[in-house]
C-alpha atoms as a PDB file:
ATOM      1  CA  MET A   1      29.078 -11.574 -23.852  1.00  0.00           C
ATOM      2  CA  ILE A   2      25.483 -11.547 -25.113  1.00  0.00           C
ATOM      3  CA  VAL A   3      24.238  -8.323 -26.749  1.00  0.00           C
ATOM      4  CA  ASP A   4      20.925  -7.568 -28.470  1.00  0.00           C
ATOM      5  CA  ARG A   5      20.279  -5.414 -31.530  1.00  0.00           C
ATOM      6  CA  GLN A   6      19.831  -2.302 -29.371  1.00  0.00           C
ATOM      7  CA  GLY A   7      23.236  -2.841 -27.805  1.00  0.00           C
ATOM      8  CA  ARG A   8      21.790  -3.955 -24.476  1.00  0.00           C
ATOM      9  CA  ARG A   9      23.493  -6.572 -22.338  1.00  0.00           C
ATOM     10  CA  PHE A  10      23.125  -7.836 -18.799  1.00  0.00           C
ATOM     11  CA  ARG A  11      25.370  -5.969 -16.355  1.00  0.00           C
ATOM     12  CA  ASN A  12      23.232  -5.784 -13.233  1.00  0.00           C
ATOM     13  CA  LEU A  13      21.890  -8.863 -11.466  1.00  0.00           C
ATOM     14  CA  ARG A  14      19.231  -8.824  -8.784  1.00  0.00           C
ATOM     15  CA  VAL A  15      18.960 -11.986  -6.715  1.00  0.00           C
ATOM     16  CA  SER A  16      15.861 -12.599  -4.604  1.00  0.00           C
ATOM     17  CA  LEU A  17      16.883 -14.650  -1.569  1.00  0.00           C
ATOM     18  CA  THR A  18      13.275 -15.323  -0.644  1.00  0.00           C
ATOM     19  CA  ALA A  19       9.748 -14.417  -1.648  1.00  0.00           C
ATOM     20  CA  ALA A  20       8.856 -14.060   2.033  1.00  0.00           C
ATOM     21  CA  CYS A  21       8.322 -10.611   3.512  1.00  0.00           C
ATOM     22  CA  ASN A  22       7.442  -9.281   6.961  1.00  0.00           C
ATOM     23  CA  TYR A  23       5.406  -6.486   5.328  1.00  0.00           C
ATOM     24  CA  ALA A  24       2.310  -6.614   3.133  1.00  0.00           C
ATOM     25  CA  CYS A  25       2.485  -3.242   1.377  1.00  0.00           C
ATOM     26  CA  THR A  26      -0.710  -2.115  -0.313  1.00  0.00           C
ATOM     27  CA  TYR A  27       0.932  -1.632  -3.735  1.00  0.00           C
ATOM     28  CA  CYS A  28       2.484  -5.102  -3.621  1.00  0.00           C
ATOM     29  CA  VAL A  29      -0.177  -7.419  -2.199  1.00  0.00           C
ATOM     30  CA  PRO A  30      -3.884  -6.539  -2.308  1.00  0.00           C
ATOM     31  CA  ASP A  31      -5.201  -8.882   0.380  1.00  0.00           C
ATOM     32  CA  GLY A  32      -2.984  -7.849   3.284  1.00  0.00           C
ATOM     33  CA  LYS A  33      -1.416 -11.297   3.592  1.00  0.00           C
ATOM     34  CA  ARG A  34       2.329 -11.387   4.101  1.00  0.00           C
ATOM     35  CA  LEU A  35       4.210 -13.264   1.430  1.00  0.00           C
ATOM     36  CA  VAL A  36       5.817 -16.522   2.530  1.00  0.00           C
ATOM     37  CA  ALA A  37       8.814 -18.462   1.284  1.00  0.00           C
ATOM     38  CA  ALA A  38       8.202 -20.782  -1.647  1.00  0.00           C
ATOM     39  CA  GLN A  39       8.612 -24.472  -0.852  1.00  0.00           C
ATOM     40  CA  ASP A  40      11.287 -24.956  -3.496  1.00  0.00           C
ATOM     41  CA  GLU A  41      13.576 -22.012  -2.688  1.00  0.00           C
ATOM     42  CA  LEU A  42      17.236 -22.777  -3.348  1.00  0.00           C
ATOM     43  CA  PRO A  43      19.978 -22.765  -0.695  1.00  0.00           C
ATOM     44  CA  GLY A  44      22.083 -19.627  -0.499  1.00  0.00           C
ATOM     45  CA  GLU A  45      25.137 -21.484  -1.781  1.00  0.00           C
ATOM     46  CA  ALA A  46      23.242 -22.627  -4.881  1.00  0.00           C
ATOM     47  CA  LEU A  47      22.082 -19.083  -5.617  1.00  0.00           C
ATOM     48  CA  ALA A  48      25.660 -17.901  -5.202  1.00  0.00           C
ATOM     49  CA  LYS A  49      26.789 -20.511  -7.705  1.00  0.00           C
ATOM     50  CA  GLY A  50      24.189 -19.088 -10.075  1.00  0.00           C
ATOM     51  CA  VAL A  51      25.749 -15.662  -9.598  1.00  0.00           C
ATOM     52  CA  ALA A  52      29.202 -17.082 -10.377  1.00  0.00           C
ATOM     53  CA  TYR A  53      27.953 -18.739 -13.559  1.00  0.00           C
ATOM     54  CA  LEU A  54      26.136 -15.554 -14.632  1.00  0.00           C
ATOM     55  CA  ILE A  55      29.266 -13.461 -14.110  1.00  0.00           C
ATOM     56  CA  GLU A  56      31.057 -15.729 -16.565  1.00  0.00           C
ATOM     57  CA  ALA A  57      28.210 -16.303 -19.012  1.00  0.00           C
ATOM     58  CA  ALA A  58      26.729 -12.800 -19.162  1.00  0.00           C
ATOM     59  CA  GLY A  59      29.415 -10.451 -17.855  1.00  0.00           C
ATOM     60  CA  ILE A  60      27.509  -9.470 -14.707  1.00  0.00           C
ATOM     61  CA  GLU A  61      29.344  -6.668 -12.911  1.00  0.00           C
ATOM     62  CA  ARG A  62      27.026  -5.526 -10.116  1.00  0.00           C
ATOM     63  CA  LEU A  63      24.783  -7.436  -7.738  1.00  0.00           C
ATOM     64  CA  ARG A  64      21.813  -6.338  -5.666  1.00  0.00           C
ATOM     65  CA  ILE A  65      20.425  -8.650  -3.008  1.00  0.00           C
ATOM     66  CA  THR A  66      16.638  -8.432  -2.752  1.00  0.00           C
ATOM     67  CA  GLY A  67      13.568 -10.367  -1.672  1.00  0.00           C
ATOM     68  CA  GLY A  68      10.804 -10.343  -0.482  1.00  0.00           C
ATOM     69  CA  GLU A  69      12.770  -9.125   2.467  1.00  0.00           C
ATOM     70  CA  PRO A  70      16.316 -10.522   2.305  1.00  0.00           C
ATOM     71  CA  LEU A  71      17.126  -9.865   5.965  1.00  0.00           C
ATOM     72  CA  ILE A  72      14.538 -12.418   7.129  1.00  0.00           C
ATOM     73  CA  SER A  73      15.978 -15.158   4.917  1.00  0.00           C
ATOM     74  CA  PRO A  74      17.920 -18.005   6.561  1.00  0.00           C
ATOM     75  CA  ARG A  75      19.916 -18.111   3.302  1.00  0.00           C
ATOM     76  CA  LEU A  76      21.478 -14.688   3.877  1.00  0.00           C
ATOM     77  CA  ASP A  77      24.644 -15.695   5.746  1.00  0.00           C
ATOM     78  CA  GLY A  78      25.485 -18.576   3.425  1.00  0.00           C
ATOM     79  CA  PHE A  79      24.890 -16.444   0.353  1.00  0.00           C
ATOM     80  CA  LEU A  80      27.025 -13.570   1.619  1.00  0.00           C
ATOM     81  CA  ALA A  81      29.887 -15.926   2.425  1.00  0.00           C
ATOM     82  CA  ALA A  82      29.682 -17.615  -0.962  1.00  0.00           C
ATOM     83  CA  ILE A  83      29.738 -14.441  -3.079  1.00  0.00           C
ATOM     84  CA  ALA A  84      32.611 -12.861  -1.164  1.00  0.00           C
ATOM     85  CA  GLY A  85      35.299 -13.993  -3.596  1.00  0.00           C
ATOM     86  CA  LEU A  86      33.478 -13.526  -6.910  1.00  0.00           C
ATOM     87  CA  GLY A  87      35.138 -10.218  -7.808  1.00  0.00           C
ATOM     88  CA  LEU A  88      31.973  -8.200  -8.346  1.00  0.00           C
ATOM     89  CA  GLN A  89      32.412  -4.453  -8.810  1.00  0.00           C
ATOM     90  CA  ASP A  90      29.598  -3.686  -6.405  1.00  0.00           C
ATOM     91  CA  VAL A  91      27.267  -5.555  -4.037  1.00  0.00           C
ATOM     92  CA  ALA A  92      24.258  -3.728  -2.576  1.00  0.00           C
ATOM     93  CA  LEU A  93      21.115  -4.745  -0.726  1.00  0.00           C
ATOM     94  CA  THR A  94      17.488  -3.610  -0.732  1.00  0.00           C
ATOM     95  CA  THR A  95      15.584  -3.924   2.547  1.00  0.00           C
ATOM     96  CA  ASN A  96      12.578  -2.538   4.364  1.00  0.00           C
ATOM     97  CA  GLY A  97      14.948  -1.827   7.247  1.00  0.00           C
ATOM     98  CA  GLN A  98      12.954  -3.545   9.969  1.00  0.00           C
ATOM     99  CA  LEU A  99      15.840  -5.895  10.874  1.00  0.00           C
ATOM    100  CA  LEU A 100      18.649  -3.601   9.774  1.00  0.00           C
ATOM    101  CA  SER A 101      20.034  -2.842  13.232  1.00  0.00           C
ATOM    102  CA  ARG A 102      20.187  -6.549  14.053  1.00  0.00           C
ATOM    103  CA  LYS A 103      21.819  -7.595  10.772  1.00  0.00           C
ATOM    104  CA  LEU A 104      24.141  -4.604  10.338  1.00  0.00           C
ATOM    105  CA  PRO A 105      27.299  -6.275  11.712  1.00  0.00           C
ATOM    106  CA  ARG A 106      26.920  -9.174   9.275  1.00  0.00           C
ATOM    107  CA  LEU A 107      26.396  -6.834   6.333  1.00  0.00           C
ATOM    108  CA  GLN A 108      29.500  -4.890   7.312  1.00  0.00           C
ATOM    109  CA  GLU A 109      31.540  -8.081   7.554  1.00  0.00           C
ATOM    110  CA  ALA A 110      30.386  -9.010   4.048  1.00  0.00           C
ATOM    111  CA  GLY A 111      31.618  -5.688   2.661  1.00  0.00           C
ATOM    112  CA  ILE A 112      28.230  -4.259   1.751  1.00  0.00           C
ATOM    113  CA  ARG A 113      28.465  -0.481   1.634  1.00  0.00           C
ATOM    114  CA  ARG A 114      25.253   0.499  -0.167  1.00  0.00           C
ATOM    115  CA  LEU A 115      21.684   0.028   1.001  1.00  0.00           C
ATOM    116  CA  ASN A 116      18.303   0.882  -0.461  1.00  0.00           C
ATOM    117  CA  VAL A 117      15.666   1.168   2.243  1.00  0.00           C
ATOM    118  CA  SER A 118      11.991   1.083   1.275  1.00  0.00           C
ATOM    119  CA  LEU A 119      10.150   3.795   3.199  1.00  0.00           C
ATOM    120  CA  ASP A 120       6.921   5.423   2.043  1.00  0.00           C
ATOM    121  CA  THR A 121       6.115   7.824   4.873  1.00  0.00           C
ATOM    122  CA  LEU A 122       7.380   9.438   8.075  1.00  0.00           C
ATOM    123  CA  ASP A 123       3.918   9.312   9.612  1.00  0.00           C
ATOM    124  CA  ALA A 124       3.687   6.335  11.976  1.00  0.00           C
ATOM    125  CA  SER A 125      -0.013   5.664  11.414  1.00  0.00           C
ATOM    126  CA  ALA A 126       0.314   5.952   7.626  1.00  0.00           C
ATOM    127  CA  PHE A 127       3.339   3.636   7.833  1.00  0.00           C
ATOM    128  CA  ARG A 128       1.240   0.937   9.512  1.00  0.00           C
ATOM    129  CA  ARG A 129      -1.573   1.452   6.992  1.00  0.00           C
ATOM    130  CA  ILE A 130       0.692   1.149   3.925  1.00  0.00           C
ATOM    131  CA  ALA A 131       3.219  -1.458   5.099  1.00  0.00           C
ATOM    132  CA  ARG A 132       0.759  -3.461   7.189  1.00  0.00           C
ATOM    133  CA  GLY A 133       3.680  -4.569   9.333  1.00  0.00           C
ATOM    134  CA  GLY A 134       6.763  -3.312  11.122  1.00  0.00           C
ATOM    135  CA  ASP A 135       7.528  -0.175  13.088  1.00  0.00           C
ATOM    136  CA  LEU A 136       8.671   3.190  11.703  1.00  0.00           C
ATOM    137  CA  ALA A 137      10.974   4.103  14.604  1.00  0.00           C
ATOM    138  CA  THR A 138      12.860   0.815  14.232  1.00  0.00           C
ATOM    139  CA  VAL A 139      13.468   1.500  10.539  1.00  0.00           C
ATOM    140  CA  LEU A 140      14.716   5.042  11.148  1.00  0.00           C
ATOM    141  CA  GLU A 141      17.079   3.835  13.877  1.00  0.00           C
ATOM    142  CA  GLY A 142      18.446   1.115  11.592  1.00  0.00           C
ATOM    143  CA  MET A 143      19.132   3.711   8.916  1.00  0.00           C
ATOM    144  CA  ARG A 144      20.856   5.962  11.439  1.00  0.00           C
ATOM    145  CA  GLN A 145      23.129   3.142  12.582  1.00  0.00           C
ATOM    146  CA  ALA A 146      23.956   2.076   9.030  1.00  0.00           C
ATOM    147  CA  SER A 147      24.802   5.650   8.042  1.00  0.00           C
ATOM    148  CA  ALA A 148      26.982   6.074  11.129  1.00  0.00           C
ATOM    149  CA  ALA A 149      28.799   2.881  10.109  1.00  0.00           C
ATOM    150  CA  GLY A 150      29.671   4.496   6.766  1.00  0.00           C
ATOM    151  CA  MET A 151      27.045   2.926   4.556  1.00  0.00           C
ATOM    152  CA  ARG A 152      25.571   4.922   1.677  1.00  0.00           C
ATOM    153  CA  ILE A 153      21.790   4.939   1.943  1.00  0.00           C
ATOM    154  CA  LYS A 154      19.135   5.515  -0.666  1.00  0.00           C
ATOM    155  CA  VAL A 155      15.509   5.619   0.400  1.00  0.00           C
ATOM    156  CA  ASN A 156      12.851   4.250  -1.939  1.00  0.00           C
ATOM    157  CA  MET A 157       9.419   5.871  -1.783  1.00  0.00           C
ATOM    158  CA  VAL A 158       6.379   5.044  -3.923  1.00  0.00           C
ATOM    159  CA  PRO A 159       4.212   8.210  -3.950  1.00  0.00           C
ATOM    160  CA  MET A 160       0.499   7.425  -4.226  1.00  0.00           C
ATOM    161  CA  ARG A 161      -2.535   9.687  -4.359  1.00  0.00           C
ATOM    162  CA  GLY A 162      -4.814   9.105  -1.411  1.00  0.00           C
ATOM    163  CA  GLN A 163      -2.123   7.379   0.648  1.00  0.00           C
ATOM    164  CA  ASN A 164       1.137   9.285   1.104  1.00  0.00           C
ATOM    165  CA  LEU A 165       1.345  12.195  -1.326  1.00  0.00           C
ATOM    166  CA  ASP A 166       1.470  14.559   1.647  1.00  0.00           C
ATOM    167  CA  GLN A 167       4.715  12.863   2.702  1.00  0.00           C
ATOM    168  CA  VAL A 168       6.733  13.710  -0.435  1.00  0.00           C
ATOM    169  CA  LEU A 169       8.171  16.943   0.943  1.00  0.00           C
ATOM    170  CA  PRO A 170       8.630  15.820   4.576  1.00  0.00           C
ATOM    171  CA  LEU A 171      10.477  12.699   3.483  1.00  0.00           C
ATOM    172  CA  LEU A 172      12.609  14.627   0.986  1.00  0.00           C
ATOM    173  CA  ASP A 173      13.540  17.166   3.668  1.00  0.00           C
ATOM    174  CA  TYR A 174      14.368  14.349   6.095  1.00  0.00           C
ATOM    175  CA  CYS A 175      16.627  12.619   3.584  1.00  0.00           C
ATOM    176  CA  LEU A 176      18.406  15.828   2.586  1.00  0.00           C
ATOM    177  CA  GLU A 177      19.016  16.614   6.251  1.00  0.00           C
ATOM    178  CA  HIS A 178      20.413  13.158   7.043  1.00  0.00           C
ATOM    179  CA  GLY A 179      22.501  12.679   3.918  1.00  0.00           C
ATOM    180  CA  TYR A 180      20.295   9.985   2.349  1.00  0.00           C
ATOM    181  CA  GLU A 181      19.348  10.106  -1.329  1.00  0.00           C
ATOM    182  CA  LEU A 182      15.604   9.761  -1.806  1.00  0.00           C
ATOM    183  CA  ARG A 183      14.346   7.872  -4.844  1.00  0.00           C
ATOM    184  CA  PHE A 184      10.728   8.376  -5.812  1.00  0.00           C
ATOM    185  CA  ILE A 185       9.433   5.338  -7.709  1.00  0.00           C
ATOM    186  CA  GLU A 186       6.422   5.780  -9.944  1.00  0.00           C
ATOM    187  CA  LEU A 187       3.742   3.226  -9.152  1.00  0.00           C
ATOM    188  CA  MET A 188       4.175   0.200 -11.428  1.00  0.00           C
ATOM    189  CA  ARG A 189       1.551  -1.879 -13.215  1.00  0.00           C
ATOM    190  CA  MET A 190       2.613  -5.049 -11.415  1.00  0.00           C
ATOM    191  CA  GLY A 191       0.612  -7.857  -9.831  1.00  0.00           C
ATOM    192  CA  HIS A 192      -2.933  -6.811  -8.944  1.00  0.00           C
ATOM    193  CA  LEU A 193      -2.340  -3.300 -10.328  1.00  0.00           C
ATOM    194  CA  ALA A 194      -1.704  -4.781 -13.779  1.00  0.00           C
ATOM    195  CA  ARG A 195      -5.136  -6.382 -13.625  1.00  0.00           C
ATOM    196  CA  ASP A 196      -6.974  -3.396 -12.148  1.00  0.00           C
ATOM    197  CA  SER A 197      -6.243  -0.320 -14.241  1.00  0.00           C
ATOM    198  CA  ASN A 198      -8.709   1.830 -12.293  1.00  0.00           C
ATOM    199  CA  ALA A 199      -6.886   1.219  -9.008  1.00  0.00           C
ATOM    200  CA  PHE A 200      -3.601   2.016 -10.707  1.00  0.00           C
ATOM    201  CA  LEU A 201      -4.810   5.277 -12.267  1.00  0.00           C
ATOM    202  CA  GLN A 202      -6.471   6.456  -9.068  1.00  0.00           C
ATOM    203  CA  GLN A 203      -3.182   6.230  -7.162  1.00  0.00           C
ATOM    204  CA  PHE A 204      -0.575   6.979  -9.854  1.00  0.00           C
ATOM    205  CA  VAL A 205       1.595  10.108  -9.479  1.00  0.00           C
ATOM    206  CA  SER A 206       3.542  11.098 -12.591  1.00  0.00           C
ATOM    207  CA  LEU A 207       7.028  12.590 -12.851  1.00  0.00           C
ATOM    208  CA  GLU A 208       5.529  15.931 -13.898  1.00  0.00           C
ATOM    209  CA  GLN A 209       3.189  16.027 -10.913  1.00  0.00           C
ATOM    210  CA  LEU A 210       5.937  15.010  -8.523  1.00  0.00           C
ATOM    211  CA  LEU A 211       8.421  17.623  -9.732  1.00  0.00           C
ATOM    212  CA  ALA A 212       5.744  20.319  -9.562  1.00  0.00           C
ATOM    213  CA  LEU A 213       5.119  19.419  -5.925  1.00  0.00           C
ATOM    214  CA  ILE A 214       8.832  19.416  -5.062  1.00  0.00           C
ATOM    215  CA  GLY A 215       9.275  22.721  -6.898  1.00  0.00           C
ATOM    216  CA  GLN A 216       6.933  24.394  -4.419  1.00  0.00           C
ATOM    217  CA  ALA A 217       9.604  24.003  -1.727  1.00  0.00           C
ATOM    218  CA  HIS A 218      12.942  23.466  -3.473  1.00  0.00           C
ATOM    219  CA  SER A 219      14.871  24.723  -6.464  1.00  0.00           C
ATOM    220  CA  TYR A 220      16.559  21.852  -8.279  1.00  0.00           C
ATOM    221  CA  GLN A 221      18.335  21.025 -11.501  1.00  0.00           C
ATOM    222  CA  GLN A 222      18.860  17.746 -13.308  1.00  0.00           C
ATOM    223  CA  ALA A 223      22.154  16.030 -12.556  1.00  0.00           C
ATOM    224  CA  SER A 224      24.121  13.437 -14.487  1.00  0.00           C
ATOM    225  CA  ALA A 225      23.477   9.706 -14.109  1.00  0.00           C
ATOM    226  CA  PRO A 226      25.003   6.546 -15.628  1.00  0.00           C
ATOM    227  CA  MET A 227      23.769   5.582 -19.099  1.00  0.00           C
ATOM    228  CA  ASP A 228      21.864   2.525 -17.873  1.00  0.00           C
ATOM    229  CA  ALA A 229      20.513   4.166 -14.706  1.00  0.00           C
ATOM    230  CA  THR A 230      16.823   3.686 -14.009  1.00  0.00           C
ATOM    231  CA  ALA A 231      16.511   7.005 -12.171  1.00  0.00           C
ATOM    232  CA  LEU A 232      16.491  10.571 -13.373  1.00  0.00           C
ATOM    233  CA  ARG A 233      18.678  12.384 -10.845  1.00  0.00           C
ATOM    234  CA  TYR A 234      18.246  15.943  -9.559  1.00  0.00           C
ATOM    235  CA  GLN A 235      20.362  18.211  -7.368  1.00  0.00           C
ATOM    236  CA  VAL A 236      19.051  20.530  -4.681  1.00  0.00           C
ATOM    237  CA  ALA A 237      21.836  23.122  -4.454  1.00  0.00           C
ATOM    238  CA  GLY A 238      23.785  22.945  -1.223  1.00  0.00           C
ATOM    239  CA  LYS A 239      21.605  20.184   0.203  1.00  0.00           C
ATOM    240  CA  GLY A 240      21.910  16.979  -1.800  1.00  0.00           C
ATOM    241  CA  HIS A 241      20.252  14.905  -4.492  1.00  0.00           C
ATOM    242  CA  PHE A 242      17.037  13.045  -5.163  1.00  0.00           C
ATOM    243  CA  GLY A 243      15.987  10.791  -8.006  1.00  0.00           C
ATOM    244  CA  VAL A 244      12.837   9.689  -9.789  1.00  0.00           C
ATOM    245  CA  ILE A 245      12.402   6.255 -11.310  1.00  0.00           C
ATOM    246  CA  ALA A 246       9.843   7.388 -13.871  1.00  0.00           C
ATOM    247  CA  ASN A 247       8.935   4.020 -15.290  1.00  0.00           C
ATOM    248  CA  GLU A 248       5.705   5.273 -16.853  1.00  0.00           C
ATOM    249  CA  SER A 249       6.580   8.887 -17.650  1.00  0.00           C
ATOM    250  CA  VAL A 250      10.110   8.406 -19.025  1.00  0.00           C
ATOM    251  CA  PRO A 251      10.626   4.716 -19.872  1.00  0.00           C
ATOM    252  CA  PHE A 252      14.187   3.413 -19.700  1.00  0.00           C
ATOM    253  CA  CYS A 253      13.734   0.088 -21.501  1.00  0.00           C
ATOM    254  CA  ARG A 254      16.131   1.076 -24.296  1.00  0.00           C
ATOM    255  CA  THR A 255      19.090   1.043 -21.892  1.00  0.00           C
ATOM    256  CA  CYS A 256      17.992  -1.581 -19.357  1.00  0.00           C
ATOM    257  CA  SER A 257      20.840  -3.850 -18.241  1.00  0.00           C
ATOM    258  CA  ARG A 258      19.015  -5.726 -15.481  1.00  0.00           C
ATOM    259  CA  LEU A 259      18.571  -9.445 -15.009  1.00  0.00           C
ATOM    260  CA  ARG A 260      16.727 -11.083 -12.113  1.00  0.00           C
ATOM    261  CA  LEU A 261      17.249 -14.477 -10.497  1.00  0.00           C
ATOM    262  CA  SER A 262      14.421 -15.660  -8.257  1.00  0.00           C
ATOM    263  CA  SER A 263      14.853 -17.618  -5.051  1.00  0.00           C
ATOM    264  CA  THR A 264      13.452 -20.653  -6.851  1.00  0.00           C
ATOM    265  CA  GLY A 265      15.981 -20.571  -9.701  1.00  0.00           C
ATOM    266  CA  TRP A 266      14.127 -18.715 -12.472  1.00  0.00           C
ATOM    267  CA  LEU A 267      15.708 -16.025 -14.639  1.00  0.00           C
ATOM    268  CA  HIS A 268      13.574 -13.003 -15.537  1.00  0.00           C
ATOM    269  CA  GLY A 269      14.929 -10.769 -18.282  1.00  0.00           C
ATOM    270  CA  CYS A 270      12.110  -8.232 -18.064  1.00  0.00           C
ATOM    271  CA  LEU A 271       9.493  -7.330 -15.460  1.00  0.00           C
ATOM    272  CA  SER A 272       7.045  -6.631 -18.268  1.00  0.00           C
ATOM    273  CA  SER A 273       7.307 -10.123 -19.731  1.00  0.00           C
ATOM    274  CA  GLY A 274       5.571 -13.228 -18.481  1.00  0.00           C
ATOM    275  CA  ASN A 275       8.479 -15.324 -19.710  1.00  0.00           C
ATOM    276  CA  ARG A 276      10.905 -16.894 -17.283  1.00  0.00           C
ATOM    277  CA  HIS A 277      13.725 -19.385 -17.710  1.00  0.00           C
ATOM    278  CA  PHE A 278      14.622 -22.114 -15.225  1.00  0.00           C
ATOM    279  CA  VAL A 279      18.288 -22.405 -14.310  1.00  0.00           C
ATOM    280  CA  GLY A 280      17.932 -24.241 -11.010  1.00  0.00           C
ATOM    281  CA  ASP A 281      18.766 -27.560 -12.631  1.00  0.00           C
ATOM    282  CA  LEU A 282      21.981 -26.120 -14.082  1.00  0.00           C
ATOM    283  CA  LEU A 283      23.407 -25.095 -10.720  1.00  0.00           C
ATOM    284  CA  GLY A 284      24.278 -28.645  -9.768  1.00  0.00           C
ATOM    285  CA  LYS A 285      26.141 -29.296 -13.007  1.00  0.00           C
ATOM    286  CA  PRO A 286      29.850 -28.739 -13.628  1.00  0.00           C
ATOM    287  CA  ARG A 287      30.869 -25.500 -15.289  1.00  0.00           C
ATOM    288  CA  HIS A 288      31.584 -26.984 -18.744  1.00  0.00           C
ATOM    289  CA  GLU A 289      28.035 -28.362 -18.934  1.00  0.00           C
ATOM    290  CA  ALA A 290      26.202 -25.491 -17.256  1.00  0.00           C
ATOM    291  CA  LEU A 291      27.648 -22.497 -19.114  1.00  0.00           C
ATOM    292  CA  PRO A 292      26.608 -23.370 -22.700  1.00  0.00           C
ATOM    293  CA  ALA A 293      23.053 -24.148 -21.566  1.00  0.00           C
ATOM    294  CA  LEU A 294      22.959 -20.981 -19.480  1.00  0.00           C
ATOM    295  CA  GLN A 295      24.093 -18.834 -22.398  1.00  0.00           C
ATOM    296  CA  ARG A 296      21.253 -20.184 -24.524  1.00  0.00           C
ATOM    297  CA  LEU A 297      18.762 -19.212 -21.816  1.00  0.00           C
ATOM    298  CA  LEU A 298      20.337 -15.775 -21.507  1.00  0.00           C
ATOM    299  CA  VAL A 299      19.755 -15.125 -25.199  1.00  0.00           C
ATOM    300  CA  LYS A 300      16.065 -15.846 -24.610  1.00  0.00           C
ATOM    301  CA  ALA A 301      15.955 -13.698 -21.465  1.00  0.00           C
ATOM    302  CA  LEU A 302      17.547 -10.746 -23.265  1.00  0.00           C
ATOM    303  CA  GLY A 303      14.999 -11.191 -26.041  1.00  0.00           C
ATOM    304  CA  ASP A 304      12.216 -10.767 -23.473  1.00  0.00           C
ATOM    305  CA  LYS A 305      13.103  -7.106 -22.898  1.00  0.00           C
ATOM    306  CA  GLN A 306      10.660  -4.487 -24.165  1.00  0.00           C
ATOM    307  CA  GLU A 307      11.742  -2.420 -27.148  1.00  0.00           C
ATOM    308  CA  LEU A 308      10.467   0.930 -25.888  1.00  0.00           C
ATOM    309  CA  ALA A 309       8.468   0.960 -22.672  1.00  0.00           C
ATOM    310  CA  PHE A 310       7.196  -1.107 -19.771  1.00  0.00           C
ATOM    311  CA  SER A 311       3.694  -2.408 -20.394  1.00  0.00           C
ATOM    312  CA  GLY A 312       2.943  -4.085 -17.061  1.00  0.00           C
ATOM    313  CA  GLY A 313       3.235  -7.560 -15.630  1.00  0.00           C
ATOM    314  CA  VAL A 314       1.007  -9.766 -13.485  1.00  0.00           C
ATOM    315  CA  THR A 315       3.888 -11.196 -11.418  1.00  0.00           C
ATOM    316  CA  VAL A 316       4.033  -9.884  -7.848  1.00  0.00           C
ATOM    317  CA  MET A 317       7.137  -7.717  -7.608  1.00  0.00           C
ATOM    318  CA  LYS A 318       8.408  -9.173  -4.352  1.00  0.00           C
ATOM    319  CA  VAL A 319       8.455 -12.673  -5.834  1.00  0.00           C
ATOM    320  CA  ILE A 320      11.242 -11.707  -8.243  1.00  0.00           C
ATOM    321  CA  GLY A 321      12.949  -8.849  -6.434  1.00  0.00           C
ATOM    322  CA  GLY A 322      12.253  -5.137  -6.535  1.00  0.00           C
END
């Protein structure tokens, strides 16, 4: 087990199956072009082998499958089959939900019981403007089917001034009514927003501003959350919970336990660091050769974590997994 001087270690792994996405969300890509798969993306079985090695080398306990959009990846089935016997405590998936109805049977077969669905508005025209792809009704129906199948659903919303701030309360009410837990994610200084501070500041909505808006319609109190949780969690009495990932307002770097593996075989220890560490060449090696080299890279990746707070990063979020 590898631990830094603040007592942090890697427990949670996020694997990006592909950089490709069928959306082109305004806060992710500035030019409206959908992201495509990288030419050197690894097969699903190779990424699964990386997960197996990281479980042994770092003590990974929980896995989240991400993208881009993982449900459009041809690697999905092979990856799901390969990780089935790895003994992970929890396997979840983040999706925009556009293909959820179609892929739901396969996700059920793989034992996935938790989903995070990215959804920034319940207004169909605003949905098209922000996502620049997809169809709102299809996403909502996919969520309904997944919930009916017994899956636990969290909805991820990025509130932004001038784009969807008027949707905070409608979406919260919708999630409380349907038994979904809404997670508000403060806008992050990633990709083009790390380079353009004016664009970031014009759209940014802080934790304080968000809670003040919610307080106009709901009484709430803070609820407990795991020590290394990224979200502050709140309870609306008799109705449910919501959370806020307050990356800017209340940084959680001191307790971060996340590690990311890209579809092209790079480890990222911190979103706020430009450093990355290539492990793709280790995945074809036998265990006794791969593990010592991997542990050395993990020490470097853990050293990339910020001491106190996120300071931004120029990498596009969907390239390394949300």
